Every structure is written in structure tokens, then in C-alpha cells.
Amino acid sequence: MIVAVESNFVLELTYRQEEAPECERIVELANSGAIRLAIPACALFEPFETLARRRINREEILKELRKELQELARTQAYADLAETSRKAVSAS
């Protein structure tokens, strides 16, 4: 049996999203020879574009968030904001 997958299959595995275990099971079946896995070339390239776009967007959002938090931390009421938000702004 041939099982065809698409770019979402690759993204699920890459991001370890909700359906990653099912995707892994499909890979296991292919490795054991129980099925043949068909992955169109575009399904391999599209996720890389998506990952790159998400990374760029994430970096822009983090940059803006850091800037806003620095401004807010200048206000006495939010002076501890830099420390309490450290985990969020260290994400990448």
C-alpha cells in the first residue's frame, strides 16, 4: 500500500504537534516495509519556507516585545517587569 503525505505531515513531525505520534506511526510502518511512503517534493520544501517565515516573524515580534517591555519597565509601577518577563523574551 502506498501512503501519500503532504507538507502538514512534515510540519507535524518537525514541530511535535498534536498529530506527531500518528505521523511517527506512519514512518514506522514505512520503515518496517508495511507501507510505502510517498512524499511529493513540494511537501518537503514548503515546510522550510514556513519555518523560515515563522522564525523571521517570531524574531520581529520578540524585538518589539522587548522594546515595549523596556519602555514599560521605566514606569515605577512596572519596574519589576524586566525580571518577570525574562522567560518570555528569551524564547526563540
PDB file of N, CA and C in Angstrom:
ATOM      1  N   MET A   1       0.853  -1.172   0.000  1.00  0.00           N
ATOM      2  CA  MET A   1       0.000   0.000   0.000  1.00  0.00           C
ATOM      3  C   MET A   1       0.900   1.237   0.000  1.00  0.00           C
ATOM      4  N   ILE A   2       0.528   2.217  -0.794  1.00  0.00           N
ATOM      5  CA  ILE A   2       1.244   3.488  -0.853  1.00  0.00           C
ATOM      6  C   ILE A   2       0.457   4.532  -0.058  1.00  0.00           C
ATOM      7  N   VAL A   3       1.135   5.198   0.844  1.00  0.00           N
ATOM      8  CA  VAL A   3       0.516   6.261   1.639  1.00  0.00           C
ATOM      9  C   VAL A   3       1.164   7.572   1.223  1.00  0.00           C
ATOM     10  N   ALA A   4       0.366   8.488   0.708  1.00  0.00           N
ATOM     11  CA  ALA A   4       0.857   9.806   0.294  1.00  0.00           C
ATOM     12  C   ALA A   4       0.614  10.803   1.423  1.00  0.00           C
ATOM     13  N   VAL A   5       1.625  11.596   1.698  1.00  0.00           N
ATOM     14  CA  VAL A   5       1.507  12.618   2.742  1.00  0.00           C
ATOM     15  C   VAL A   5       1.773  13.987   2.129  1.00  0.00           C
ATOM     16  N   GLU A   6       1.539  15.023   2.906  1.00  0.00           N
ATOM     17  CA  GLU A   6       1.726  16.389   2.412  1.00  0.00           C
ATOM     18  C   GLU A   6       2.575  17.180   3.394  1.00  0.00           C
ATOM     19  N   SER A   7       2.700  18.455   3.144  1.00  0.00           N
ATOM     20  CA  SER A   7       3.576  19.300   3.962  1.00  0.00           C
ATOM     21  C   SER A   7       3.151  19.336   5.429  1.00  0.00           C
ATOM     22  N   ASN A   8       1.862  19.238   5.712  1.00  0.00           N
ATOM     23  CA  ASN A   8       1.415  19.247   7.110  1.00  0.00           C
ATOM     24  C   ASN A   8       1.986  18.063   7.881  1.00  0.00           C
ATOM     25  N   PHE A   9       2.179  16.942   7.193  1.00  0.00           N
ATOM     26  CA  PHE A   9       2.787  15.763   7.796  1.00  0.00           C
ATOM     27  C   PHE A   9       4.186  16.112   8.290  1.00  0.00           C
ATOM     28  N   VAL A  10       4.956  16.774   7.445  1.00  0.00           N
ATOM     29  CA  VAL A  10       6.325  17.165   7.799  1.00  0.00           C
ATOM     30  C   VAL A  10       6.302  18.187   8.940  1.00  0.00           C
ATOM     31  N   LEU A  11       5.394  19.151   8.878  1.00  0.00           N
ATOM     32  CA  LEU A  11       5.295  20.166   9.935  1.00  0.00           C
ATOM     33  C   LEU A  11       4.891  19.549  11.270  1.00  0.00           C
ATOM     34  N   GLU A  12       3.974  18.603  11.248  1.00  0.00           N
ATOM     35  CA  GLU A  12       3.561  17.926  12.484  1.00  0.00           C
ATOM     36  C   GLU A  12       4.762  17.270  13.152  1.00  0.00           C
ATOM     37  N   LEU A  13       5.571  16.582  12.355  1.00  0.00           N
ATOM     38  CA  LEU A  13       6.758  15.917  12.895  1.00  0.00           C
ATOM     39  C   LEU A  13       7.787  16.932  13.380  1.00  0.00           C
ATOM     40  N   THR A  14       8.000  17.983  12.606  1.00  0.00           N
ATOM     41  CA  THR A  14       9.005  18.983  12.938  1.00  0.00           C
ATOM     42  C   THR A  14       8.665  19.725  14.217  1.00  0.00           C
ATOM     43  N   TYR A  15       7.423  20.176  14.338  1.00  0.00           N
ATOM     44  CA  TYR A  15       7.003  20.961  15.498  1.00  0.00           C
ATOM     45  C   TYR A  15       6.524  20.115  16.669  1.00  0.00           C
ATOM     46  N   ARG A  16       6.469  18.782  16.461  1.00  0.00           N
ATOM     47  CA  ARG A  16       5.974  17.886  17.509  1.00  0.00           C
ATOM     48  C   ARG A  16       4.584  18.316  17.956  1.00  0.00           C
ATOM     49  N   GLN A  17       3.700  18.523  16.976  1.00  0.00           N
ATOM     50  CA  GLN A  17       2.343  18.979  17.260  1.00  0.00           C
ATOM     51  C   GLN A  17       1.439  17.804  17.626  1.00  0.00           C
ATOM     52  N   GLU A  18       0.145  18.081  17.766  1.00  0.00           N
ATOM     53  CA  GLU A  18      -0.812  17.105  18.283  1.00  0.00           C
ATOM     54  C   GLU A  18      -0.799  15.768  17.535  1.00  0.00           C
ATOM     55  N   GLU A  19      -0.651  15.809  16.235  1.00  0.00           N
ATOM     56  CA  GLU A  19      -0.743  14.587  15.448  1.00  0.00           C
ATOM     57  C   GLU A  19       0.618  13.948  15.145  1.00  0.00           C
ATOM     58  N   ALA A  20       1.663  14.429  15.797  1.00  0.00           N
ATOM     59  CA  ALA A  20       3.008  13.870  15.583  1.00  0.00           C
ATOM     60  C   ALA A  20       3.072  12.375  15.882  1.00  0.00           C
ATOM     61  N   PRO A  21       2.435  11.876  16.945  1.00  0.00           N
ATOM     62  CA  PRO A  21       2.504  10.426  17.194  1.00  0.00           C
ATOM     63  C   PRO A  21       1.928   9.595  16.039  1.00  0.00           C
ATOM     64  N   GLU A  22       0.846  10.077  15.444  1.00  0.00           N
ATOM     65  CA  GLU A  22       0.266   9.368  14.307  1.00  0.00           C
ATOM     66  C   GLU A  22       1.210   9.408  13.104  1.00  0.00           C
ATOM     67  N   CYS A  23       1.858  10.550  12.901  1.00  0.00           N
ATOM     68  CA  CYS A  23       2.823  10.683  11.813  1.00  0.00           C
ATOM     69  C   CYS A  23       4.012   9.748  12.038  1.00  0.00           C
ATOM     70  N   GLU A  24       4.455   9.655  13.276  1.00  0.00           N
ATOM     71  CA  GLU A  24       5.562   8.755  13.598  1.00  0.00           C
ATOM     72  C   GLU A  24       5.177   7.303  13.332  1.00  0.00           C
ATOM     73  N   ARG A  25       3.945   6.968  13.621  1.00  0.00           N
ATOM     74  CA  ARG A  25       3.465   5.598  13.367  1.00  0.00           C
ATOM     75  C   ARG A  25       3.512   5.306  11.864  1.00  0.00           C
ATOM     76  N   ILE A  26       3.147   6.272  11.046  1.00  0.00           N
ATOM     77  CA  ILE A  26       3.212   6.101   9.596  1.00  0.00           C
ATOM     78  C   ILE A  26       4.664   5.882   9.162  1.00  0.00           C
ATOM     79  N   VAL A  27       5.577   6.647   9.737  1.00  0.00           N
ATOM     80  CA  VAL A  27       7.000   6.480   9.420  1.00  0.00           C
ATOM     81  C   VAL A  27       7.473   5.091   9.839  1.00  0.00           C
ATOM     82  N   GLU A  28       7.043   4.626  11.014  1.00  0.00           N
ATOM     83  CA  GLU A  28       7.406   3.287  11.478  1.00  0.00           C
ATOM     84  C   GLU A  28       6.903   2.218  10.515  1.00  0.00           C
ATOM     85  N   LEU A  29       5.670   2.374  10.058  1.00  0.00           N
ATOM     86  CA  LEU A  29       5.106   1.416   9.096  1.00  0.00           C
ATOM     87  C   LEU A  29       5.918   1.406   7.803  1.00  0.00           C
ATOM     88  N   ALA A  30       6.354   2.582   7.375  1.00  0.00           N
ATOM     89  CA  ALA A  30       7.168   2.663   6.160  1.00  0.00           C
ATOM     90  C   ALA A  30       8.535   2.016   6.386  1.00  0.00           C
ATOM     91  N   ASN A  31       9.119   2.258   7.556  1.00  0.00           N
ATOM     92  CA  ASN A  31      10.420   1.655   7.872  1.00  0.00           C
ATOM     93  C   ASN A  31      10.350   0.134   7.933  1.00  0.00           C
ATOM     94  N   SER A  32       9.236  -0.378   8.399  1.00  0.00           N
ATOM     95  CA  SER A  32       9.081  -1.830   8.514  1.00  0.00           C
ATOM     96  C   SER A  32       8.712  -2.481   7.182  1.00  0.00           C
ATOM     97  N   GLY A  33       8.383  -1.651   6.185  1.00  0.00           N
ATOM     98  CA  GLY A  33       8.010  -2.183   4.883  1.00  0.00           C
ATOM     99  C   GLY A  33       6.526  -2.503   4.749  1.00  0.00           C
ATOM    100  N   ALA A  34       5.756  -2.207   5.780  1.00  0.00           N
ATOM    101  CA  ALA A  34       4.319  -2.484   5.731  1.00  0.00           C
ATOM    102  C   ALA A  34       3.603  -1.576   4.729  1.00  0.00           C
ATOM    103  N   ILE A  35       4.131  -0.383   4.533  1.00  0.00           N
ATOM    104  CA  ILE A  35       3.578   0.568   3.559  1.00  0.00           C
ATOM    105  C   ILE A  35       4.736   1.225   2.822  1.00  0.00           C
ATOM    106  N   ARG A  36       4.398   1.876   1.724  1.00  0.00           N
ATOM    107  CA  ARG A  36       5.370   2.730   1.019  1.00  0.00           C
ATOM    108  C   ARG A  36       4.918   4.162   1.220  1.00  0.00           C
ATOM    109  N   LEU A  37       5.834   5.000   1.621  1.00  0.00           N
ATOM    110  CA  LEU A  37       5.527   6.394   1.901  1.00  0.00           C
ATOM    111  C   LEU A  37       5.860   7.239   0.683  1.00  0.00           C
ATOM    112  N   ALA A  38       4.884   8.002   0.215  1.00  0.00           N
ATOM    113  CA  ALA A  38       5.084   8.885  -0.934  1.00  0.00           C
ATOM    114  C   ALA A  38       4.993  10.327  -0.445  1.00  0.00           C
ATOM    115  N   ILE A  39       6.093  11.043  -0.622  1.00  0.00           N
ATOM    116  CA  ILE A  39       6.145  12.444  -0.193  1.00  0.00           C
ATOM    117  C   ILE A  39       6.493  13.291  -1.409  1.00  0.00           C
ATOM    118  N   PRO A  40       5.550  14.096  -1.904  1.00  0.00           N
ATOM    119  CA  PRO A  40       5.858  14.967  -3.040  1.00  0.00           C
ATOM    120  C   PRO A  40       6.970  15.951  -2.671  1.00  0.00           C
ATOM    121  N   ALA A  41       7.801  16.282  -3.625  1.00  0.00           N
ATOM    122  CA  ALA A  41       8.923  17.193  -3.375  1.00  0.00           C
ATOM    123  C   ALA A  41       8.453  18.507  -2.764  1.00  0.00           C
ATOM    124  N   CYS A  42       7.341  19.041  -3.244  1.00  0.00           N
ATOM    125  CA  CYS A  42       6.856  20.320  -2.701  1.00  0.00           C
ATOM    126  C   CYS A  42       6.495  20.196  -1.225  1.00  0.00           C
ATOM    127  N   ALA A  43       6.133  18.996  -0.773  1.00  0.00           N
ATOM    128  CA  ALA A  43       5.802  18.792   0.637  1.00  0.00           C
ATOM    129  C   ALA A  43       7.044  18.892   1.512  1.00  0.00           C
ATOM    130  N   LEU A  44       8.208  18.754   0.910  1.00  0.00           N
ATOM    131  CA  LEU A  44       9.454  18.882   1.667  1.00  0.00           C
ATOM    132  C   LEU A  44       9.962  20.317   1.672  1.00  0.00           C
ATOM    133  N   PHE A  45       9.729  21.053   0.589  1.00  0.00           N
ATOM    134  CA  PHE A  45      10.229  22.426   0.503  1.00  0.00           C
ATOM    135  C   PHE A  45       9.318  23.420   1.208  1.00  0.00           C
ATOM    136  N   GLU A  46       8.020  23.242   1.108  1.00  0.00           N
ATOM    137  CA  GLU A  46       7.065  24.176   1.705  1.00  0.00           C
ATOM    138  C   GLU A  46       7.270  24.349   3.213  1.00  0.00           C
ATOM    139  N   PRO A  47       7.481  23.265   3.969  1.00  0.00           N
ATOM    140  CA  PRO A  47       7.706  23.454   5.413  1.00  0.00           C
ATOM    141  C   PRO A  47       8.930  24.299   5.725  1.00  0.00           C
ATOM    142  N   PHE A  48       9.994  24.192   4.935  1.00  0.00           N
ATOM    143  CA  PHE A  48      11.174  25.008   5.185  1.00  0.00           C
ATOM    144  C   PHE A  48      10.864  26.482   4.994  1.00  0.00           C
ATOM    145  N   GLU A  49      10.060  26.800   3.987  1.00  0.00           N
ATOM    146  CA  GLU A  49       9.648  28.187   3.783  1.00  0.00           C
ATOM    147  C   GLU A  49       8.801  28.660   4.958  1.00  0.00           C
ATOM    148  N   THR A  50       7.896  27.788   5.410  1.00  0.00           N
ATOM    149  CA  THR A  50       7.035  28.126   6.537  1.00  0.00           C
ATOM    150  C   THR A  50       7.865  28.335   7.793  1.00  0.00           C
ATOM    151  N   LEU A  51       8.825  27.442   8.029  1.00  0.00           N
ATOM    152  CA  LEU A  51       9.682  27.567   9.209  1.00  0.00           C
ATOM    153  C   LEU A  51      10.490  28.856   9.163  1.00  0.00           C
ATOM    154  N   ALA A  52      11.034  29.189   8.019  1.00  0.00           N
ATOM    155  CA  ALA A  52      11.822  30.412   7.876  1.00  0.00           C
ATOM    156  C   ALA A  52      10.950  31.643   8.119  1.00  0.00           C
ATOM    157  N   ARG A  53       9.749  31.638   7.555  1.00  0.00           N
ATOM    158  CA  ARG A  53       8.831  32.770   7.723  1.00  0.00           C
ATOM    159  C   ARG A  53       8.438  32.922   9.194  1.00  0.00           C
ATOM    160  N   ARG A  54       8.148  31.804   9.854  1.00  0.00           N
ATOM    161  CA  ARG A  54       7.779  31.855  11.268  1.00  0.00           C
ATOM    162  C   ARG A  54       8.932  32.375  12.114  1.00  0.00           C
ATOM    163  N   ARG A  55      10.153  31.928  11.806  1.00  0.00           N
ATOM    164  CA  ARG A  55      11.325  32.377  12.551  1.00  0.00           C
ATOM    165  C   ARG A  55      11.501  33.883  12.419  1.00  0.00           C
ATOM    166  N   ILE A  56      11.371  34.388  11.196  1.00  0.00           N
ATOM    167  CA  ILE A  56      11.514  35.827  10.960  1.00  0.00           C
ATOM    168  C   ILE A  56      10.420  36.590  11.703  1.00  0.00           C
ATOM    169  N   ASN A  57       9.182  36.123  11.621  1.00  0.00           N
ATOM    170  CA  ASN A  57       8.072  36.779  12.321  1.00  0.00           C
ATOM    171  C   ASN A  57       8.294  36.757  13.825  1.00  0.00           C
ATOM    172  N   ARG A  58       8.746  35.613  14.341  1.00  0.00           N
ATOM    173  CA  ARG A  58       8.991  35.479  15.773  1.00  0.00           C
ATOM    174  C   ARG A  58      10.072  36.450  16.229  1.00  0.00           C
ATOM    175  N   GLU A  59      11.131  36.578  15.437  1.00  0.00           N
ATOM    176  CA  GLU A  59      12.213  37.499  15.793  1.00  0.00           C
ATOM    177  C   GLU A  59      11.716  38.939  15.815  1.00  0.00           C
ATOM    178  N   GLU A  60      10.879  39.307  14.849  1.00  0.00           N
ATOM    179  CA  GLU A  60      10.328  40.666  14.813  1.00  0.00           C
ATOM    180  C   GLU A  60       9.428  40.925  16.011  1.00  0.00           C
ATOM    181  N   ILE A  61       8.600  39.951  16.337  1.00  0.00           N
ATOM    182  CA  ILE A  61       7.689  40.093  17.481  1.00  0.00           C
ATOM    183  C   ILE A  61       8.487  40.209  18.775  1.00  0.00           C
ATOM    184  N   LEU A  62       9.499  39.367  18.939  1.00  0.00           N
ATOM    185  CA  LEU A  62      10.327  39.435  20.144  1.00  0.00           C
ATOM    186  C   LEU A  62      11.045  40.774  20.266  1.00  0.00           C
ATOM    187  N   LYS A  63      11.522  41.286  19.145  1.00  0.00           N
ATOM    188  CA  LYS A  63      12.202  42.575  19.156  1.00  0.00           C
ATOM    189  C   LYS A  63      11.247  43.669  19.640  1.00  0.00           C
ATOM    190  N   GLU A  64      10.039  43.679  19.093  1.00  0.00           N
ATOM    191  CA  GLU A  64       9.046  44.675  19.501  1.00  0.00           C
ATOM    192  C   GLU A  64       8.620  44.479  20.953  1.00  0.00           C
ATOM    193  N   LEU A  65       8.458  43.232  21.361  1.00  0.00           N
ATOM    194  CA  LEU A  65       8.071  42.952  22.740  1.00  0.00           C
ATOM    195  C   LEU A  65       9.140  43.436  23.714  1.00  0.00           C
ATOM    196  N   ARG A  66      10.396  43.153  23.410  1.00  0.00           N
ATOM    197  CA  ARG A  66      11.488  43.613  24.270  1.00  0.00           C
ATOM    198  C   ARG A  66      11.495  45.137  24.397  1.00  0.00           C
ATOM    199  N   LYS A  67      11.279  45.785  23.249  1.00  0.00           N
ATOM    200  CA  LYS A  67      11.265  47.250  23.249  1.00  0.00           C
ATOM    201  C   LYS A  67      10.121  47.784  24.123  1.00  0.00           C
ATOM    202  N   GLU A  68       8.941  47.204  23.975  1.00  0.00           N
ATOM    203  CA  GLU A  68       7.789  47.642  24.772  1.00  0.00           C
ATOM    204  C   GLU A  68       8.005  47.368  26.259  1.00  0.00           C
ATOM    205  N   LEU A  69       8.561  46.203  26.569  1.00  0.00           N
ATOM    206  CA  LEU A  69       8.809  45.878  27.975  1.00  0.00           C
ATOM    207  C   LEU A  69       9.833  46.817  28.596  1.00  0.00           C
ATOM    208  N   GLN A  70      10.852  47.186  27.833  1.00  0.00           N
ATOM    209  CA  GLN A  70      11.840  48.150  28.336  1.00  0.00           C
ATOM    210  C   GLN A  70      11.183  49.487  28.629  1.00  0.00           C
ATOM    211  N   GLU A  71      10.312  49.918  27.736  1.00  0.00           N
ATOM    212  CA  GLU A  71       9.609  51.190  27.958  1.00  0.00           C
ATOM    213  C   GLU A  71       8.718  51.110  29.184  1.00  0.00           C
ATOM    214  N   LEU A  72       7.960  50.011  29.293  1.00  0.00           N
ATOM    215  CA  LEU A  72       7.072  49.853  30.449  1.00  0.00           C
ATOM    216  C   LEU A  72       7.876  49.791  31.748  1.00  0.00           C
ATOM    217  N   ALA A  73       9.025  49.127  31.717  1.00  0.00           N
ATOM    218  CA  ALA A  73       9.835  48.972  32.925  1.00  0.00           C
ATOM    219  C   ALA A  73      10.377  50.302  33.431  1.00  0.00           C
ATOM    220  N   ARG A  74      10.352  51.317  32.584  1.00  0.00           N
ATOM    221  CA  ARG A  74      10.791  52.645  33.014  1.00  0.00           C
ATOM    222  C   ARG A  74       9.778  53.284  33.952  1.00  0.00           C
ATOM    223  N   THR A  75       8.547  52.770  33.935  1.00  0.00           N
ATOM    224  CA  THR A  75       7.491  53.266  34.816  1.00  0.00           C
ATOM    225  C   THR A  75       7.606  52.556  36.157  1.00  0.00           C
ATOM    226  N   GLN A  76       7.525  53.299  37.248  1.00  0.00           N
ATOM    227  CA  GLN A  76       7.725  52.745  38.581  1.00  0.00           C
ATOM    228  C   GLN A  76       6.822  51.545  38.856  1.00  0.00           C
ATOM    229  N   ALA A  77       5.580  51.618  38.430  1.00  0.00           N
ATOM    230  CA  ALA A  77       4.629  50.527  38.688  1.00  0.00           C
ATOM    231  C   ALA A  77       5.039  49.225  37.995  1.00  0.00           C
ATOM    232  N   TYR A  78       5.826  49.326  36.957  1.00  0.00           N
ATOM    233  CA  TYR A  78       6.245  48.143  36.202  1.00  0.00           C
ATOM    234  C   TYR A  78       7.749  47.887  36.287  1.00  0.00           C
ATOM    235  N   ALA A  79       8.386  48.397  37.306  1.00  0.00           N
ATOM    236  CA  ALA A  79       9.838  48.299  37.416  1.00  0.00           C
ATOM    237  C   ALA A  79      10.340  46.854  37.421  1.00  0.00           C
ATOM    238  N   ASP A  80       9.551  45.929  37.962  1.00  0.00           N
ATOM    239  CA  ASP A  80       9.988  44.524  38.020  1.00  0.00           C
ATOM    240  C   ASP A  80       9.619  43.743  36.752  1.00  0.00           C
ATOM    241  N   LEU A  81       9.091  44.422  35.771  1.00  0.00           N
ATOM    242  CA  LEU A  81       8.637  43.766  34.548  1.00  0.00           C
ATOM    243  C   LEU A  81       9.775  43.069  33.787  1.00  0.00           C
ATOM    244  N   ALA A  82      10.937  43.677  33.777  1.00  0.00           N
ATOM    245  CA  ALA A  82      12.071  43.078  33.062  1.00  0.00           C
ATOM    246  C   ALA A  82      12.390  41.696  33.622  1.00  0.00           C
ATOM    247  N   GLU A  83      12.365  41.584  34.935  1.00  0.00           N
ATOM    248  CA  GLU A  83      12.686  40.293  35.564  1.00  0.00           C
ATOM    249  C   GLU A  83      11.568  39.274  35.357  1.00  0.00           C
ATOM    250  N   THR A  84      10.320  39.694  35.535  1.00  0.00           N
ATOM    251  CA  THR A  84       9.207  38.753  35.430  1.00  0.00           C
ATOM    252  C   THR A  84       8.952  38.302  34.001  1.00  0.00           C
ATOM    253  N   SER A  85       9.400  39.064  33.029  1.00  0.00           N
ATOM    254  CA  SER A  85       9.172  38.695  31.629  1.00  0.00           C
ATOM    255  C   SER A  85      10.397  38.059  30.978  1.00  0.00           C
ATOM    256  N   ARG A  86      11.438  37.827  31.739  1.00  0.00           N
ATOM    257  CA  ARG A  86      12.695  37.311  31.190  1.00  0.00           C
ATOM    258  C   ARG A  86      12.503  36.019  30.396  1.00  0.00           C
ATOM    259  N   LYS A  87      11.707  35.088  30.907  1.00  0.00           N
ATOM    260  CA  LYS A  87      11.497  33.817  30.216  1.00  0.00           C
ATOM    261  C   LYS A  87      10.823  34.030  28.875  1.00  0.00           C
ATOM    262  N   ALA A  88       9.824  34.887  28.830  1.00  0.00           N
ATOM    263  CA  ALA A  88       9.088  35.117  27.590  1.00  0.00           C
ATOM    264  C   ALA A  88       9.970  35.721  26.515  1.00  0.00           C
ATOM    265  N   VAL A  89      10.805  36.663  26.881  1.00  0.00           N
ATOM    266  CA  VAL A  89      11.623  37.343  25.872  1.00  0.00           C
ATOM    267  C   VAL A  89      12.900  36.576  25.522  1.00  0.00           C
ATOM    268  N   SER A  90      13.174  35.498  26.229  1.00  0.00           N
ATOM    269  CA  SER A  90      14.337  34.692  25.889  1.00  0.00           C
ATOM    270  C   SER A  90      13.965  33.584  24.908  1.00  0.00           C
ATOM    271  N   ALA A  91      12.685  33.433  24.627  1.00  0.00           N
ATOM    272  CA  ALA A  91      12.235  32.421  23.673  1.00  0.00           C
ATOM    273  C   ALA A  91      12.736  32.767  22.277  1.00  0.00           C
ATOM    274  N   SER A  92      13.034  31.745  21.530  1.00  0.00           N
ATOM    275  CA  SER A  92      13.458  31.988  20.132  1.00  0.00           C
ATOM    276  C   SER A  92      13.074  30.839  19.237  1.00  0.00           C
TER     277      SER A  92
END
